[in-house]
């Protein structure tokens, strides 16, 4: 499980929906200990992801600009992660 929540504030371009949702999932995995929701936990987990992503987007929209950008590149913007996502989507097709 990931130990750090991704910093989304101050990104250029701004964090997109996928990045906000990924951060919400990362947060929920951390606080619940659920890394792979089961049939019993899926509905509650998915609902919480949507709610946390929604409020996170509002928070990011309402905060003032950062004076300097985050020092790390969010995972979804890293080339190796993009390659894994593309490979997974190609295999699913």
C-alpha atoms as a PDB file:
ATOM      1  CA  UNK A   1       0.000   0.000   0.000  1.00  0.00           C
ATOM      2  CA  UNK A   2       1.230   3.478  -0.803  1.00  0.00           C
ATOM      3  CA  UNK A   3       2.409   5.469   2.206  1.00  0.00           C
ATOM      4  CA  UNK A   4       1.989   8.945   0.755  1.00  0.00           C
ATOM      5  CA  UNK A   5      -1.023  10.719  -0.592  1.00  0.00           C
ATOM      6  CA  UNK A   6      -0.272  12.442  -3.905  1.00  0.00           C
ATOM      7  CA  UNK A   7      -0.089  16.259  -3.834  1.00  0.00           C
ATOM      8  CA  UNK A   8      -2.545  17.633  -6.385  1.00  0.00           C
ATOM      9  CA  UNK A   9      -2.615  21.331  -5.505  1.00  0.00           C
ATOM     10  CA  UNK A  10      -0.566  23.559  -7.766  1.00  0.00           C
ATOM     11  CA  UNK A  11      -0.094  21.165 -10.659  1.00  0.00           C
ATOM     12  CA  UNK A  12       0.356  22.548 -14.161  1.00  0.00           C
ATOM     13  CA  UNK A  13      -1.908  21.693 -15.832  1.00  0.00           C
ATOM     14  CA  UNK A  14      -4.351  21.381 -12.941  1.00  0.00           C
ATOM     15  CA  UNK A  15      -5.200  17.955 -11.556  1.00  0.00           C
ATOM     16  CA  UNK A  16      -7.664  16.113 -13.779  1.00  0.00           C
ATOM     17  CA  UNK A  17     -10.582  13.897 -12.722  1.00  0.00           C
ATOM     18  CA  UNK A  18      -8.502  10.704 -12.973  1.00  0.00           C
ATOM     19  CA  UNK A  19      -5.820  12.122 -10.668  1.00  0.00           C
ATOM     20  CA  UNK A  20      -8.382  13.326  -8.128  1.00  0.00           C
ATOM     21  CA  UNK A  21     -10.128   9.932  -8.170  1.00  0.00           C
ATOM     22  CA  UNK A  22      -6.803   8.092  -7.820  1.00  0.00           C
ATOM     23  CA  UNK A  23      -5.952  10.227  -4.771  1.00  0.00           C
ATOM     24  CA  UNK A  24      -9.372   9.462  -3.264  1.00  0.00           C
ATOM     25  CA  UNK A  25      -8.791   5.732  -3.779  1.00  0.00           C
ATOM     26  CA  UNK A  26      -5.300   6.034  -2.291  1.00  0.00           C
ATOM     27  CA  UNK A  27      -6.716   7.815   0.768  1.00  0.00           C
ATOM     28  CA  UNK A  28      -9.487   5.256   1.278  1.00  0.00           C
ATOM     29  CA  UNK A  29      -7.079   2.344   0.956  1.00  0.00           C
ATOM     30  CA  UNK A  30      -4.959   3.931   3.655  1.00  0.00           C
ATOM     31  CA  UNK A  31      -7.734   4.670   6.150  1.00  0.00           C
ATOM     32  CA  UNK A  32      -9.742   1.466   5.611  1.00  0.00           C
ATOM     33  CA  UNK A  33      -6.997  -1.065   4.975  1.00  0.00           C
ATOM     34  CA  UNK A  34      -9.012  -2.270   1.975  1.00  0.00           C
ATOM     35  CA  UNK A  35      -6.740  -2.545  -1.045  1.00  0.00           C
ATOM     36  CA  UNK A  36      -9.099  -4.610  -3.202  1.00  0.00           C
ATOM     37  CA  UNK A  37     -12.803  -4.126  -2.405  1.00  0.00           C
ATOM     38  CA  UNK A  38     -14.845  -7.313  -2.270  1.00  0.00           C
ATOM     39  CA  UNK A  39     -18.416  -7.780  -3.379  1.00  0.00           C
ATOM     40  CA  UNK A  40     -19.487  -6.882   0.182  1.00  0.00           C
ATOM     41  CA  UNK A  41     -17.418  -3.691   0.366  1.00  0.00           C
ATOM     42  CA  UNK A  42     -17.521  -2.496  -3.268  1.00  0.00           C
ATOM     43  CA  UNK A  43     -20.659  -0.325  -3.073  1.00  0.00           C
ATOM     44  CA  UNK A  44     -19.586   1.543   0.086  1.00  0.00           C
ATOM     45  CA  UNK A  45     -16.021   1.924  -1.217  1.00  0.00           C
ATOM     46  CA  UNK A  46     -17.131   3.258  -4.622  1.00  0.00           C
ATOM     47  CA  UNK A  47     -19.586   5.677  -3.023  1.00  0.00           C
ATOM     48  CA  UNK A  48     -16.868   6.975  -0.691  1.00  0.00           C
ATOM     49  CA  UNK A  49     -14.434   7.385  -3.623  1.00  0.00           C
ATOM     50  CA  UNK A  50     -16.990   9.504  -5.488  1.00  0.00           C
ATOM     51  CA  UNK A  51     -17.757  11.654  -2.443  1.00  0.00           C
ATOM     52  CA  UNK A  52     -14.106  12.199  -1.507  1.00  0.00           C
ATOM     53  CA  UNK A  53     -13.142  12.970  -5.111  1.00  0.00           C
ATOM     54  CA  UNK A  54     -16.008  15.479  -5.334  1.00  0.00           C
ATOM     55  CA  UNK A  55     -15.062  17.339  -2.150  1.00  0.00           C
ATOM     56  CA  UNK A  56     -11.363  17.188  -3.073  1.00  0.00           C
ATOM     57  CA  UNK A  57     -12.089  18.910  -6.379  1.00  0.00           C
ATOM     58  CA  UNK A  58     -14.066  21.622  -4.568  1.00  0.00           C
ATOM     59  CA  UNK A  59     -11.202  22.112  -2.125  1.00  0.00           C
ATOM     60  CA  UNK A  60      -8.620  22.385  -4.910  1.00  0.00           C
ATOM     61  CA  UNK A  61     -10.849  24.878  -6.733  1.00  0.00           C
ATOM     62  CA  UNK A  62     -11.293  27.025  -3.603  1.00  0.00           C
ATOM     63  CA  UNK A  63      -7.670  27.158  -2.418  1.00  0.00           C
ATOM     64  CA  UNK A  64      -5.378  29.973  -3.562  1.00  0.00           C
ATOM     65  CA  UNK A  65      -2.592  29.179  -6.014  1.00  0.00           C
ATOM     66  CA  UNK A  66       0.584  27.670  -4.587  1.00  0.00           C
ATOM     67  CA  UNK A  67       3.719  29.771  -4.563  1.00  0.00           C
ATOM     68  CA  UNK A  68       5.680  26.849  -5.990  1.00  0.00           C
ATOM     69  CA  UNK A  69       4.606  23.612  -7.669  1.00  0.00           C
ATOM     70  CA  UNK A  70       4.847  20.237  -5.899  1.00  0.00           C
ATOM     71  CA  UNK A  71       8.350  18.722  -5.970  1.00  0.00           C
ATOM     72  CA  UNK A  72       7.172  15.329  -7.209  1.00  0.00           C
ATOM     73  CA  UNK A  73       5.338  14.326 -10.365  1.00  0.00           C
ATOM     74  CA  UNK A  74       1.965  12.703  -9.630  1.00  0.00           C
ATOM     75  CA  UNK A  75       1.935   8.981 -10.458  1.00  0.00           C
ATOM     76  CA  UNK A  76      -0.607   9.282 -13.281  1.00  0.00           C
ATOM     77  CA  UNK A  77       1.745  11.700 -15.078  1.00  0.00           C
ATOM     78  CA  UNK A  78       4.770   9.391 -14.931  1.00  0.00           C
ATOM     79  CA  UNK A  79       5.633   7.712 -18.270  1.00  0.00           C
ATOM     80  CA  UNK A  80       6.026   4.233 -16.760  1.00  0.00           C
ATOM     81  CA  UNK A  81       2.592   4.438 -15.152  1.00  0.00           C
ATOM     82  CA  UNK A  82       1.039   5.686 -18.399  1.00  0.00           C
ATOM     83  CA  UNK A  83       2.645   2.719 -20.209  1.00  0.00           C
ATOM     84  CA  UNK A  84       1.174   0.255 -17.673  1.00  0.00           C
ATOM     85  CA  UNK A  85      -2.287   1.819 -18.020  1.00  0.00           C
ATOM     86  CA  UNK A  86      -2.102   1.696 -21.828  1.00  0.00           C
ATOM     87  CA  UNK A  87      -0.976  -1.959 -21.743  1.00  0.00           C
ATOM     88  CA  UNK A  88      -3.800  -2.896 -19.386  1.00  0.00           C
ATOM     89  CA  UNK A  89      -6.382  -1.131 -21.583  1.00  0.00           C
ATOM     90  CA  UNK A  90      -4.979  -2.797 -24.720  1.00  0.00           C
ATOM     91  CA  UNK A  91      -5.198  -6.222 -23.072  1.00  0.00           C
ATOM     92  CA  UNK A  92      -8.796  -5.567 -22.047  1.00  0.00           C
ATOM     93  CA  UNK A  93      -9.810  -4.690 -25.631  1.00  0.00           C
END
